[in-house]
């Protein structure tokens, strides 16, 4: 008996290969830390007009705290200016088309504005004004500043000085600080900005003109007794000032005797008369040499300071001759 055997069907074995794709993200280490320190000791003009720029923007330009690349969604938190209790908000000034709060140290100091300055490798430099905290007279903040996009970014604080309007005084060296924080909390790093600033301002000065006063010739009979006077002549010393409200104090001294606190001038060398002196008066009364007074209502241009001079008999023995005395008027500026 024969058997017909057929070939067995081939079997196909499929080995399913599985590829496991493990997704991973490489987070950008957004590190915010460093210091932005700028020392500045400058001299600016005593500009009398209001809101005139006294400096360009000043601060670190090329160097500064470097922020390592951050994710696109990252931003810095508020830059908060602190430790500025010596400053007070005065008014707002428009700078480069943006509104800035301007602060002052005192009622006669220049004004200062601040900005945060961001630069990155592939983006343009971006200034951001610091804006005033209306509930606190000496703090200011910026809006959030984007630092995302995988770039190295630097953030620096700049300042600019403006005239207050009217005569100004300088500012002694002082330190102002600000801090840049990561969004989400101060525990994620910060940049400390420190500005050490001293401002010198030349004082406004007025020019005093010399004046010579000639008293009339007198007869002895016109000065009959000791302390009698005669020949009074009014005169003015002209003072030219660059501005209204220049704070001027005046002092009159006897040029012949610095310690003289009376009102009669010491006779100059060459004087030959006896028993008589030249007496100076202000506001109708004998002056007191060495005494200082404030000259009020200073105006830009010529200002007249009125005085008078007269003969005063000082002794019993009176003899004719010539008589000359000199006084020095000094102006001091606050």
C-alpha atoms as a PDB file:
ATOM      1  CA  UNK A   1       0.000   0.000   0.000  1.00  0.00           C
ATOM      2  CA  UNK A   2       1.368   3.130  -0.939  1.00  0.00           C
ATOM      3  CA  UNK A   3       0.959   6.446   0.923  1.00  0.00           C
ATOM      4  CA  UNK A   4       0.904   9.712  -0.784  1.00  0.00           C
ATOM      5  CA  UNK A   5       2.640  12.202   1.314  1.00  0.00           C
ATOM      6  CA  UNK A   6       2.260  15.859   0.641  1.00  0.00           C
ATOM      7  CA  UNK A   7       4.773  18.488   1.620  1.00  0.00           C
ATOM      8  CA  UNK A   8       3.870  20.341   4.740  1.00  0.00           C
ATOM      9  CA  UNK A   9       2.978  23.994   4.372  1.00  0.00           C
ATOM     10  CA  UNK A  10       5.720  26.336   5.300  1.00  0.00           C
ATOM     11  CA  UNK A  11       5.049  28.295   8.374  1.00  0.00           C
ATOM     12  CA  UNK A  12       5.917  31.954   8.640  1.00  0.00           C
ATOM     13  CA  UNK A  13       7.119  33.102  11.985  1.00  0.00           C
ATOM     14  CA  UNK A  14       6.970  36.844  12.471  1.00  0.00           C
ATOM     15  CA  UNK A  15       9.075  38.261  15.188  1.00  0.00           C
ATOM     16  CA  UNK A  16       7.584  41.584  16.144  1.00  0.00           C
ATOM     17  CA  UNK A  17      10.323  44.006  16.877  1.00  0.00           C
ATOM     18  CA  UNK A  18       9.386  46.784  19.235  1.00  0.00           C
ATOM     19  CA  UNK A  19      11.321  49.954  19.446  1.00  0.00           C
ATOM     20  CA  UNK A  20      10.975  51.799  22.724  1.00  0.00           C
ATOM     21  CA  UNK A  21      11.262  55.561  22.280  1.00  0.00           C
ATOM     22  CA  UNK A  22      12.051  57.164  25.606  1.00  0.00           C
ATOM     23  CA  UNK A  23      11.123  60.798  25.469  1.00  0.00           C
ATOM     24  CA  UNK A  24      13.429  63.117  27.380  1.00  0.00           C
ATOM     25  CA  UNK A  25      13.706  66.866  27.663  1.00  0.00           C
ATOM     26  CA  UNK A  26      16.890  68.681  28.280  1.00  0.00           C
ATOM     27  CA  UNK A  27      15.886  71.619  30.472  1.00  0.00           C
ATOM     28  CA  UNK A  28      17.823  74.800  30.012  1.00  0.00           C
ATOM     29  CA  UNK A  29      19.538  75.687  33.244  1.00  0.00           C
ATOM     30  CA  UNK A  30      18.335  79.255  33.622  1.00  0.00           C
ATOM     31  CA  UNK A  31      20.783  80.601  36.151  1.00  0.00           C
ATOM     32  CA  UNK A  32      20.171  84.118  37.435  1.00  0.00           C
ATOM     33  CA  UNK A  33      22.933  85.456  39.610  1.00  0.00           C
ATOM     34  CA  UNK A  34      25.744  87.950  39.609  1.00  0.00           C
ATOM     35  CA  UNK A  35      26.532  91.566  40.374  1.00  0.00           C
ATOM     36  CA  UNK A  36      26.205  94.760  38.371  1.00  0.00           C
ATOM     37  CA  UNK A  37      28.415  97.341  40.099  1.00  0.00           C
ATOM     38  CA  UNK A  38      29.067 100.833  38.791  1.00  0.00           C
ATOM     39  CA  UNK A  39      31.006 103.621  40.532  1.00  0.00           C
ATOM     40  CA  UNK A  40      30.438 107.130  39.304  1.00  0.00           C
ATOM     41  CA  UNK A  41      31.811 110.451  40.500  1.00  0.00           C
ATOM     42  CA  UNK A  42      30.805 113.196  38.103  1.00  0.00           C
ATOM     43  CA  UNK A  43      30.569 116.954  37.730  1.00  0.00           C
ATOM     44  CA  UNK A  44      27.543 118.433  35.962  1.00  0.00           C
ATOM     45  CA  UNK A  45      26.584 121.987  35.094  1.00  0.00           C
ATOM     46  CA  UNK A  46      24.291 124.012  37.311  1.00  0.00           C
ATOM     47  CA  UNK A  47      21.541 124.114  34.690  1.00  0.00           C
ATOM     48  CA  UNK A  48      18.695 126.441  35.675  1.00  0.00           C
ATOM     49  CA  UNK A  49      16.055 125.326  33.166  1.00  0.00           C
ATOM     50  CA  UNK A  50      13.742 122.439  34.041  1.00  0.00           C
ATOM     51  CA  UNK A  51      14.207 118.806  32.906  1.00  0.00           C
ATOM     52  CA  UNK A  52      17.383 119.331  30.871  1.00  0.00           C
ATOM     53  CA  UNK A  53      19.505 116.174  30.539  1.00  0.00           C
ATOM     54  CA  UNK A  54      22.730 116.602  32.518  1.00  0.00           C
ATOM     55  CA  UNK A  55      24.231 113.242  31.475  1.00  0.00           C
ATOM     56  CA  UNK A  56      23.755 110.510  28.936  1.00  0.00           C
ATOM     57  CA  UNK A  57      22.579 107.119  30.172  1.00  0.00           C
ATOM     58  CA  UNK A  58      25.357 105.855  32.429  1.00  0.00           C
ATOM     59  CA  UNK A  59      26.140 102.401  33.779  1.00  0.00           C
ATOM     60  CA  UNK A  60      27.814  99.197  32.644  1.00  0.00           C
ATOM     61  CA  UNK A  61      27.527  98.773  28.880  1.00  0.00           C
ATOM     62  CA  UNK A  62      29.474  95.743  27.613  1.00  0.00           C
ATOM     63  CA  UNK A  63      29.995  93.874  30.852  1.00  0.00           C
ATOM     64  CA  UNK A  64      27.495  92.781  33.427  1.00  0.00           C
ATOM     65  CA  UNK A  65      25.864  89.799  35.110  1.00  0.00           C
ATOM     66  CA  UNK A  66      25.312  87.013  32.608  1.00  0.00           C
ATOM     67  CA  UNK A  67      22.126  84.926  32.654  1.00  0.00           C
ATOM     68  CA  UNK A  68      22.625  81.476  31.206  1.00  0.00           C
ATOM     69  CA  UNK A  69      20.194  80.355  28.457  1.00  0.00           C
ATOM     70  CA  UNK A  70      16.592  80.102  29.630  1.00  0.00           C
ATOM     71  CA  UNK A  71      13.527  78.389  28.224  1.00  0.00           C
ATOM     72  CA  UNK A  72      11.316  80.480  25.952  1.00  0.00           C
ATOM     73  CA  UNK A  73       8.685  80.792  28.615  1.00  0.00           C
ATOM     74  CA  UNK A  74      11.079  82.178  31.213  1.00  0.00           C
ATOM     75  CA  UNK A  75      11.121  85.780  32.276  1.00  0.00           C
ATOM     76  CA  UNK A  76      12.731  87.767  34.987  1.00  0.00           C
ATOM     77  CA  UNK A  77      10.676  89.100  37.793  1.00  0.00           C
ATOM     78  CA  UNK A  78      10.498  92.700  38.836  1.00  0.00           C
ATOM     79  CA  UNK A  79      13.640  94.751  39.187  1.00  0.00           C
ATOM     80  CA  UNK A  80      13.003  96.452  42.493  1.00  0.00           C
ATOM     81  CA  UNK A  81      15.022  99.461  43.528  1.00  0.00           C
ATOM     82  CA  UNK A  82      15.685  99.322  47.244  1.00  0.00           C
ATOM     83  CA  UNK A  83      17.812 101.025  49.877  1.00  0.00           C
ATOM     84  CA  UNK A  84      16.965 104.399  48.359  1.00  0.00           C
ATOM     85  CA  UNK A  85      15.307 106.098  51.298  1.00  0.00           C
ATOM     86  CA  UNK A  86      17.435 109.145  50.591  1.00  0.00           C
ATOM     87  CA  UNK A  87      15.415 109.613  47.380  1.00  0.00           C
ATOM     88  CA  UNK A  88      11.928 111.042  46.945  1.00  0.00           C
ATOM     89  CA  UNK A  89       9.688 110.918  43.899  1.00  0.00           C
ATOM     90  CA  UNK A  90       9.511 114.450  42.451  1.00  0.00           C
ATOM     91  CA  UNK A  91       7.713 114.195  39.094  1.00  0.00           C
ATOM     92  CA  UNK A  92       7.608 112.305  35.798  1.00  0.00           C
ATOM     93  CA  UNK A  93       9.894 113.069  32.848  1.00  0.00           C
ATOM     94  CA  UNK A  94       9.558 111.848  29.259  1.00  0.00           C
ATOM     95  CA  UNK A  95      12.842 110.283  28.144  1.00  0.00           C
ATOM     96  CA  UNK A  96      13.349 108.688  24.716  1.00  0.00           C
ATOM     97  CA  UNK A  97       9.589 108.698  24.236  1.00  0.00           C
ATOM     98  CA  UNK A  98       8.888 106.842  27.490  1.00  0.00           C
ATOM     99  CA  UNK A  99       7.597 108.108  30.834  1.00  0.00           C
ATOM    100  CA  UNK A 100      10.035 107.876  33.739  1.00  0.00           C
ATOM    101  CA  UNK A 101       9.616 108.770  37.414  1.00  0.00           C
ATOM    102  CA  UNK A 102      12.316 111.233  38.467  1.00  0.00           C
ATOM    103  CA  UNK A 103      13.707 111.145  42.016  1.00  0.00           C
ATOM    104  CA  UNK A 104      15.661 113.721  44.011  1.00  0.00           C
ATOM    105  CA  UNK A 105      17.880 113.622  47.094  1.00  0.00           C
ATOM    106  CA  UNK A 106      16.700 116.982  48.443  1.00  0.00           C
ATOM    107  CA  UNK A 107      14.820 120.086  47.348  1.00  0.00           C
ATOM    108  CA  UNK A 108      17.808 121.452  45.414  1.00  0.00           C
ATOM    109  CA  UNK A 109      19.446 118.283  44.053  1.00  0.00           C
ATOM    110  CA  UNK A 110      19.431 117.080  40.438  1.00  0.00           C
ATOM    111  CA  UNK A 111      16.818 114.496  39.462  1.00  0.00           C
ATOM    112  CA  UNK A 112      17.662 110.886  38.601  1.00  0.00           C
ATOM    113  CA  UNK A 113      15.803 108.303  36.503  1.00  0.00           C
ATOM    114  CA  UNK A 114      16.573 104.599  36.126  1.00  0.00           C
ATOM    115  CA  UNK A 115      16.151 101.919  33.504  1.00  0.00           C
ATOM    116  CA  UNK A 116      16.851  98.200  33.194  1.00  0.00           C
ATOM    117  CA  UNK A 117      18.952  97.454  30.123  1.00  0.00           C
ATOM    118  CA  UNK A 118      18.775  94.008  28.521  1.00  0.00           C
ATOM    119  CA  UNK A 119      21.102  92.747  25.842  1.00  0.00           C
ATOM    120  CA  UNK A 120      21.259  89.327  24.208  1.00  0.00           C
ATOM    121  CA  UNK A 121      23.364  87.722  21.495  1.00  0.00           C
ATOM    122  CA  UNK A 122      20.652  87.595  18.837  1.00  0.00           C
ATOM    123  CA  UNK A 123      18.293  90.332  19.916  1.00  0.00           C
ATOM    124  CA  UNK A 124      18.431  94.084  20.044  1.00  0.00           C
ATOM    125  CA  UNK A 125      19.210  95.903  23.243  1.00  0.00           C
ATOM    126  CA  UNK A 126      16.051  96.688  25.150  1.00  0.00           C
ATOM    127  CA  UNK A 127      15.720  99.476  27.736  1.00  0.00           C
ATOM    128  CA  UNK A 128      12.871  99.172  30.222  1.00  0.00           C
ATOM    129  CA  UNK A 129      11.925 102.176  32.401  1.00  0.00           C
ATOM    130  CA  UNK A 130      11.703 101.745  36.124  1.00  0.00           C
ATOM    131  CA  UNK A 131       8.291 102.948  37.192  1.00  0.00           C
ATOM    132  CA  UNK A 132       7.343 104.524  40.492  1.00  0.00           C
ATOM    133  CA  UNK A 133       5.562 102.713  43.249  1.00  0.00           C
ATOM    134  CA  UNK A 134       2.974 105.345  44.077  1.00  0.00           C
ATOM    135  CA  UNK A 135       2.502 104.053  47.609  1.00  0.00           C
ATOM    136  CA  UNK A 136       6.185 104.239  48.411  1.00  0.00           C
ATOM    137  CA  UNK A 137       8.068 107.402  47.599  1.00  0.00           C
ATOM    138  CA  UNK A 138      11.471 105.830  47.093  1.00  0.00           C
ATOM    139  CA  UNK A 139      10.916 102.474  45.369  1.00  0.00           C
ATOM    140  CA  UNK A 140      10.572 101.665  41.703  1.00  0.00           C
ATOM    141  CA  UNK A 141      10.075  98.507  39.628  1.00  0.00           C
ATOM    142  CA  UNK A 142      10.161  97.330  36.028  1.00  0.00           C
ATOM    143  CA  UNK A 143       7.680  95.156  34.248  1.00  0.00           C
ATOM    144  CA  UNK A 144       8.714  91.547  33.577  1.00  0.00           C
ATOM    145  CA  UNK A 145      11.585  91.178  31.148  1.00  0.00           C
ATOM    146  CA  UNK A 146      11.662  88.149  28.862  1.00  0.00           C
ATOM    147  CA  UNK A 147      14.935  86.211  28.920  1.00  0.00           C
ATOM    148  CA  UNK A 148      13.756  83.054  27.132  1.00  0.00           C
ATOM    149  CA  UNK A 149      14.920  81.769  23.788  1.00  0.00           C
ATOM    150  CA  UNK A 150      18.176  80.017  24.583  1.00  0.00           C
ATOM    151  CA  UNK A 151      20.300  83.147  24.566  1.00  0.00           C
ATOM    152  CA  UNK A 152      22.823  84.421  27.055  1.00  0.00           C
ATOM    153  CA  UNK A 153      21.359  87.614  28.428  1.00  0.00           C
ATOM    154  CA  UNK A 154      22.759  90.434  30.530  1.00  0.00           C
ATOM    155  CA  UNK A 155      20.661  92.793  32.626  1.00  0.00           C
ATOM    156  CA  UNK A 156      22.117  96.066  33.872  1.00  0.00           C
ATOM    157  CA  UNK A 157      20.768  99.125  35.630  1.00  0.00           C
ATOM    158  CA  UNK A 158      21.444 102.536  34.064  1.00  0.00           C
ATOM    159  CA  UNK A 159      20.778 106.034  35.331  1.00  0.00           C
ATOM    160  CA  UNK A 160      20.426 109.501  33.828  1.00  0.00           C
ATOM    161  CA  UNK A 161      20.483 112.897  35.563  1.00  0.00           C
ATOM    162  CA  UNK A 162      18.193 115.841  34.824  1.00  0.00           C
ATOM    163  CA  UNK A 163      18.004 119.435  36.022  1.00  0.00           C
ATOM    164  CA  UNK A 164      15.427 120.209  38.680  1.00  0.00           C
ATOM    165  CA  UNK A 165      14.712 123.809  37.651  1.00  0.00           C
ATOM    166  CA  UNK A 166      16.549 126.589  39.481  1.00  0.00           C
ATOM    167  CA  UNK A 167      19.920 126.524  41.253  1.00  0.00           C
ATOM    168  CA  UNK A 168      21.093 123.052  42.308  1.00  0.00           C
ATOM    169  CA  UNK A 169      23.568 121.643  44.805  1.00  0.00           C
ATOM    170  CA  UNK A 170      25.751 118.560  44.640  1.00  0.00           C
ATOM    171  CA  UNK A 171      25.198 115.143  46.192  1.00  0.00           C
ATOM    172  CA  UNK A 172      27.697 113.444  48.467  1.00  0.00           C
ATOM    173  CA  UNK A 173      28.757 109.898  47.661  1.00  0.00           C
ATOM    174  CA  UNK A 174      25.873 107.494  48.275  1.00  0.00           C
ATOM    175  CA  UNK A 175      24.964 103.932  47.353  1.00  0.00           C
ATOM    176  CA  UNK A 176      21.786 102.887  45.550  1.00  0.00           C
ATOM    177  CA  UNK A 177      20.823  99.239  45.130  1.00  0.00           C
ATOM    178  CA  UNK A 178      18.404  97.249  43.001  1.00  0.00           C
ATOM    179  CA  UNK A 179      17.714  93.523  42.591  1.00  0.00           C
ATOM    180  CA  UNK A 180      16.588  91.497  39.575  1.00  0.00           C
ATOM    181  CA  UNK A 181      14.684  88.311  40.519  1.00  0.00           C
ATOM    182  CA  UNK A 182      13.523  85.229  38.632  1.00  0.00           C
ATOM    183  CA  UNK A 183       9.811  85.145  38.032  1.00  0.00           C
ATOM    184  CA  UNK A 184       8.107  83.020  40.642  1.00  0.00           C
ATOM    185  CA  UNK A 185      10.106  83.962  43.694  1.00  0.00           C
ATOM    186  CA  UNK A 186      13.271  85.394  45.096  1.00  0.00           C
ATOM    187  CA  UNK A 187      14.630  81.933  45.912  1.00  0.00           C
ATOM    188  CA  UNK A 188      15.441  81.277  42.254  1.00  0.00           C
ATOM    189  CA  UNK A 189      18.417  83.586  42.075  1.00  0.00           C
ATOM    190  CA  UNK A 190      18.921  87.292  41.687  1.00  0.00           C
ATOM    191  CA  UNK A 191      21.236  89.922  40.306  1.00  0.00           C
ATOM    192  CA  UNK A 192      22.391  92.657  42.658  1.00  0.00           C
ATOM    193  CA  UNK A 193      22.801  96.080  41.054  1.00  0.00           C
ATOM    194  CA  UNK A 194      24.881  98.595  43.003  1.00  0.00           C
ATOM    195  CA  UNK A 195      25.370 102.209  41.994  1.00  0.00           C
ATOM    196  CA  UNK A 196      27.878 104.288  43.943  1.00  0.00           C
ATOM    197  CA  UNK A 197      27.264 107.885  42.952  1.00  0.00           C
ATOM    198  CA  UNK A 198      28.677 111.307  43.866  1.00  0.00           C
ATOM    199  CA  UNK A 199      27.620 114.474  42.039  1.00  0.00           C
ATOM    200  CA  UNK A 200      29.537 117.749  42.024  1.00  0.00           C
ATOM    201  CA  UNK A 201      27.894 120.943  40.778  1.00  0.00           C
ATOM    202  CA  UNK A 202      29.755 124.255  40.516  1.00  0.00           C
ATOM    203  CA  UNK A 203      27.929 126.957  42.430  1.00  0.00           C
ATOM    204  CA  UNK A 204      26.282 129.759  40.555  1.00  0.00           C
ATOM    205  CA  UNK A 205      28.165 132.983  41.198  1.00  0.00           C
ATOM    206  CA  UNK A 206      27.306 136.643  40.863  1.00  0.00           C
ATOM    207  CA  UNK A 207      29.786 139.344  39.850  1.00  0.00           C
ATOM    208  CA  UNK A 208      30.225 142.368  42.104  1.00  0.00           C
ATOM    209  CA  UNK A 209      31.371 145.634  40.531  1.00  0.00           C
ATOM    210  CA  UNK A 210      33.868 147.947  42.215  1.00  0.00           C
ATOM    211  CA  UNK A 211      32.560 151.404  43.009  1.00  0.00           C
ATOM    212  CA  UNK A 212      34.278 154.630  44.104  1.00  0.00           C
ATOM    213  CA  UNK A 213      32.301 157.184  46.075  1.00  0.00           C
ATOM    214  CA  UNK A 214      33.477 160.792  46.352  1.00  0.00           C
ATOM    215  CA  UNK A 215      32.060 162.691  49.323  1.00  0.00           C
ATOM    216  CA  UNK A 216      31.698 166.476  49.009  1.00  0.00           C
ATOM    217  CA  UNK A 217      34.212 168.872  50.537  1.00  0.00           C
ATOM    218  CA  UNK A 218      33.146 169.932  54.021  1.00  0.00           C
ATOM    219  CA  UNK A 219      33.942 172.824  56.347  1.00  0.00           C
ATOM    220  CA  UNK A 220      34.845 172.172  59.981  1.00  0.00           C
ATOM    221  CA  UNK A 221      31.778 174.165  61.002  1.00  0.00           C
ATOM    222  CA  UNK A 222      29.556 171.505  59.464  1.00  0.00           C
ATOM    223  CA  UNK A 223      30.882 168.958  61.999  1.00  0.00           C
ATOM    224  CA  UNK A 224      30.569 171.031  65.181  1.00  0.00           C
ATOM    225  CA  UNK A 225      30.744 168.282  67.833  1.00  0.00           C
ATOM    226  CA  UNK A 226      31.866 164.677  68.293  1.00  0.00           C
ATOM    227  CA  UNK A 227      29.415 162.221  66.663  1.00  0.00           C
ATOM    228  CA  UNK A 228      27.986 164.872  64.367  1.00  0.00           C
ATOM    229  CA  UNK A 229      27.742 163.844  60.716  1.00  0.00           C
ATOM    230  CA  UNK A 230      27.506 165.576  57.370  1.00  0.00           C
ATOM    231  CA  UNK A 231      27.865 165.106  53.617  1.00  0.00           C
ATOM    232  CA  UNK A 232      25.771 161.930  53.282  1.00  0.00           C
ATOM    233  CA  UNK A 233      25.887 160.446  49.789  1.00  0.00           C
ATOM    234  CA  UNK A 234      23.824 157.475  48.569  1.00  0.00           C
ATOM    235  CA  UNK A 235      25.451 154.910  46.297  1.00  0.00           C
ATOM    236  CA  UNK A 236      24.898 151.392  44.960  1.00  0.00           C
ATOM    237  CA  UNK A 237      27.075 148.353  44.434  1.00  0.00           C
ATOM    238  CA  UNK A 238      25.911 146.487  41.328  1.00  0.00           C
ATOM    239  CA  UNK A 239      25.748 142.700  41.431  1.00  0.00           C
ATOM    240  CA  UNK A 240      25.219 140.766  38.194  1.00  0.00           C
ATOM    241  CA  UNK A 241      23.690 137.285  38.635  1.00  0.00           C
ATOM    242  CA  UNK A 242      23.064 134.504  36.097  1.00  0.00           C
ATOM    243  CA  UNK A 243      19.656 133.545  37.442  1.00  0.00           C
ATOM    244  CA  UNK A 244      16.728 134.438  39.600  1.00  0.00           C
ATOM    245  CA  UNK A 245      16.754 133.099  43.139  1.00  0.00           C
ATOM    246  CA  UNK A 246      20.508 132.647  43.476  1.00  0.00           C
ATOM    247  CA  UNK A 247      20.938 132.225  47.258  1.00  0.00           C
ATOM    248  CA  UNK A 248      23.392 135.027  48.060  1.00  0.00           C
ATOM    249  CA  UNK A 249      24.665 136.119  51.461  1.00  0.00           C
ATOM    250  CA  UNK A 250      26.613 139.358  51.726  1.00  0.00           C
ATOM    251  CA  UNK A 251      29.275 140.436  54.210  1.00  0.00           C
ATOM    252  CA  UNK A 252      30.841 143.903  54.464  1.00  0.00           C
ATOM    253  CA  UNK A 253      34.304 144.314  56.002  1.00  0.00           C
ATOM    254  CA  UNK A 254      36.710 147.169  56.645  1.00  0.00           C
ATOM    255  CA  UNK A 255      39.626 146.627  54.256  1.00  0.00           C
ATOM    256  CA  UNK A 256      41.997 148.441  56.619  1.00  0.00           C
ATOM    257  CA  UNK A 257      41.218 146.406  59.735  1.00  0.00           C
ATOM    258  CA  UNK A 258      39.747 142.901  59.462  1.00  0.00           C
ATOM    259  CA  UNK A 259      38.750 142.891  63.141  1.00  0.00           C
ATOM    260  CA  UNK A 260      36.789 146.144  62.917  1.00  0.00           C
ATOM    261  CA  UNK A 261      33.164 145.512  63.911  1.00  0.00           C
ATOM    262  CA  UNK A 262      32.083 149.139  63.868  1.00  0.00           C
ATOM    263  CA  UNK A 263      30.813 151.287  61.020  1.00  0.00           C
ATOM    264  CA  UNK A 264      33.723 153.718  60.439  1.00  0.00           C
ATOM    265  CA  UNK A 265      36.369 152.869  57.880  1.00  0.00           C
ATOM    266  CA  UNK A 266      40.010 152.838  58.954  1.00  0.00           C
ATOM    267  CA  UNK A 267      41.783 155.743  57.169  1.00  0.00           C
ATOM    268  CA  UNK A 268      43.972 154.520  54.337  1.00  0.00           C
ATOM    269  CA  UNK A 269      47.667 155.369  54.131  1.00  0.00           C
ATOM    270  CA  UNK A 270      48.014 158.906  52.830  1.00  0.00           C
ATOM    271  CA  UNK A 271      44.972 160.266  54.651  1.00  0.00           C
ATOM    272  CA  UNK A 272      45.861 163.570  56.394  1.00  0.00           C
ATOM    273  CA  UNK A 273      42.698 164.802  58.133  1.00  0.00           C
ATOM    274  CA  UNK A 274      42.210 164.309  61.865  1.00  0.00           C
ATOM    275  CA  UNK A 275      39.179 163.800  64.096  1.00  0.00           C
ATOM    276  CA  UNK A 276      36.923 162.599  61.272  1.00  0.00           C
ATOM    277  CA  UNK A 277      36.098 159.248  59.622  1.00  0.00           C
ATOM    278  CA  UNK A 278      34.015 157.903  56.757  1.00  0.00           C
ATOM    279  CA  UNK A 279      31.000 156.033  58.096  1.00  0.00           C
ATOM    280  CA  UNK A 280      29.008 153.528  55.990  1.00  0.00           C
ATOM    281  CA  UNK A 281      25.259 152.972  56.293  1.00  0.00           C
ATOM    282  CA  UNK A 282      22.824 150.346  55.050  1.00  0.00           C
ATOM    283  CA  UNK A 283      19.058 150.837  55.153  1.00  0.00           C
ATOM    284  CA  UNK A 284      19.672 154.198  56.782  1.00  0.00           C
ATOM    285  CA  UNK A 285      21.558 152.742  59.749  1.00  0.00           C
ATOM    286  CA  UNK A 286      25.286 152.414  60.485  1.00  0.00           C
ATOM    287  CA  UNK A 287      26.606 149.091  59.246  1.00  0.00           C
ATOM    288  CA  UNK A 288      28.281 146.474  61.406  1.00  0.00           C
ATOM    289  CA  UNK A 289      31.443 145.277  59.719  1.00  0.00           C
ATOM    290  CA  UNK A 290      31.696 141.478  59.658  1.00  0.00           C
ATOM    291  CA  UNK A 291      27.931 141.015  59.838  1.00  0.00           C
ATOM    292  CA  UNK A 292      26.331 138.769  57.187  1.00  0.00           C
ATOM    293  CA  UNK A 293      22.898 139.277  55.693  1.00  0.00           C
ATOM    294  CA  UNK A 294      20.839 137.566  53.022  1.00  0.00           C
ATOM    295  CA  UNK A 295      20.195 139.476  49.837  1.00  0.00           C
ATOM    296  CA  UNK A 296      16.569 138.785  48.963  1.00  0.00           C
ATOM    297  CA  UNK A 297      14.788 138.915  45.605  1.00  0.00           C
ATOM    298  CA  UNK A 298      17.831 138.156  43.488  1.00  0.00           C
ATOM    299  CA  UNK A 299      16.991 138.551  39.806  1.00  0.00           C
ATOM    300  CA  UNK A 300      18.831 137.443  36.700  1.00  0.00           C
ATOM    301  CA  UNK A 301      20.987 140.327  35.543  1.00  0.00           C
ATOM    302  CA  UNK A 302      21.829 143.495  37.425  1.00  0.00           C
ATOM    303  CA  UNK A 303      20.924 143.800  41.116  1.00  0.00           C
ATOM    304  CA  UNK A 304      21.545 147.014  43.040  1.00  0.00           C
ATOM    305  CA  UNK A 305      22.775 146.809  46.647  1.00  0.00           C
ATOM    306  CA  UNK A 306      22.180 150.223  48.280  1.00  0.00           C
ATOM    307  CA  UNK A 307      24.541 151.874  50.759  1.00  0.00           C
ATOM    308  CA  UNK A 308      25.361 155.374  51.943  1.00  0.00           C
ATOM    309  CA  UNK A 309      28.546 157.068  53.147  1.00  0.00           C
ATOM    310  CA  UNK A 310      29.030 160.192  55.267  1.00  0.00           C
ATOM    311  CA  UNK A 311      31.533 162.085  57.394  1.00  0.00           C
ATOM    312  CA  UNK A 312      31.444 161.369  61.111  1.00  0.00           C
ATOM    313  CA  UNK A 313      33.336 163.491  63.627  1.00  0.00           C
ATOM    314  CA  UNK A 314      35.276 161.168  65.952  1.00  0.00           C
ATOM    315  CA  UNK A 315      37.383 163.464  68.149  1.00  0.00           C
ATOM    316  CA  UNK A 316      37.711 166.908  69.651  1.00  0.00           C
ATOM    317  CA  UNK A 317      40.744 167.807  67.570  1.00  0.00           C
ATOM    318  CA  UNK A 318      39.544 168.364  64.028  1.00  0.00           C
ATOM    319  CA  UNK A 319      41.952 169.305  61.267  1.00  0.00           C
ATOM    320  CA  UNK A 320      41.490 169.619  57.539  1.00  0.00           C
ATOM    321  CA  UNK A 321      43.046 167.270  55.047  1.00  0.00           C
ATOM    322  CA  UNK A 322      42.237 164.350  52.801  1.00  0.00           C
ATOM    323  CA  UNK A 323      40.472 161.203  53.924  1.00  0.00           C
ATOM    324  CA  UNK A 324      40.113 157.831  52.265  1.00  0.00           C
ATOM    325  CA  UNK A 325      38.782 154.461  53.415  1.00  0.00           C
ATOM    326  CA  UNK A 326      38.124 151.137  51.692  1.00  0.00           C
ATOM    327  CA  UNK A 327      35.547 148.405  52.298  1.00  0.00           C
ATOM    328  CA  UNK A 328      35.231 144.882  50.930  1.00  0.00           C
ATOM    329  CA  UNK A 329      31.820 143.425  50.056  1.00  0.00           C
ATOM    330  CA  UNK A 330      31.874 139.630  49.840  1.00  0.00           C
ATOM    331  CA  UNK A 331      29.161 137.419  48.306  1.00  0.00           C
ATOM    332  CA  UNK A 332      28.754 133.806  49.460  1.00  0.00           C
ATOM    333  CA  UNK A 333      26.509 131.232  47.823  1.00  0.00           C
ATOM    334  CA  UNK A 334      24.622 128.516  49.673  1.00  0.00           C
END
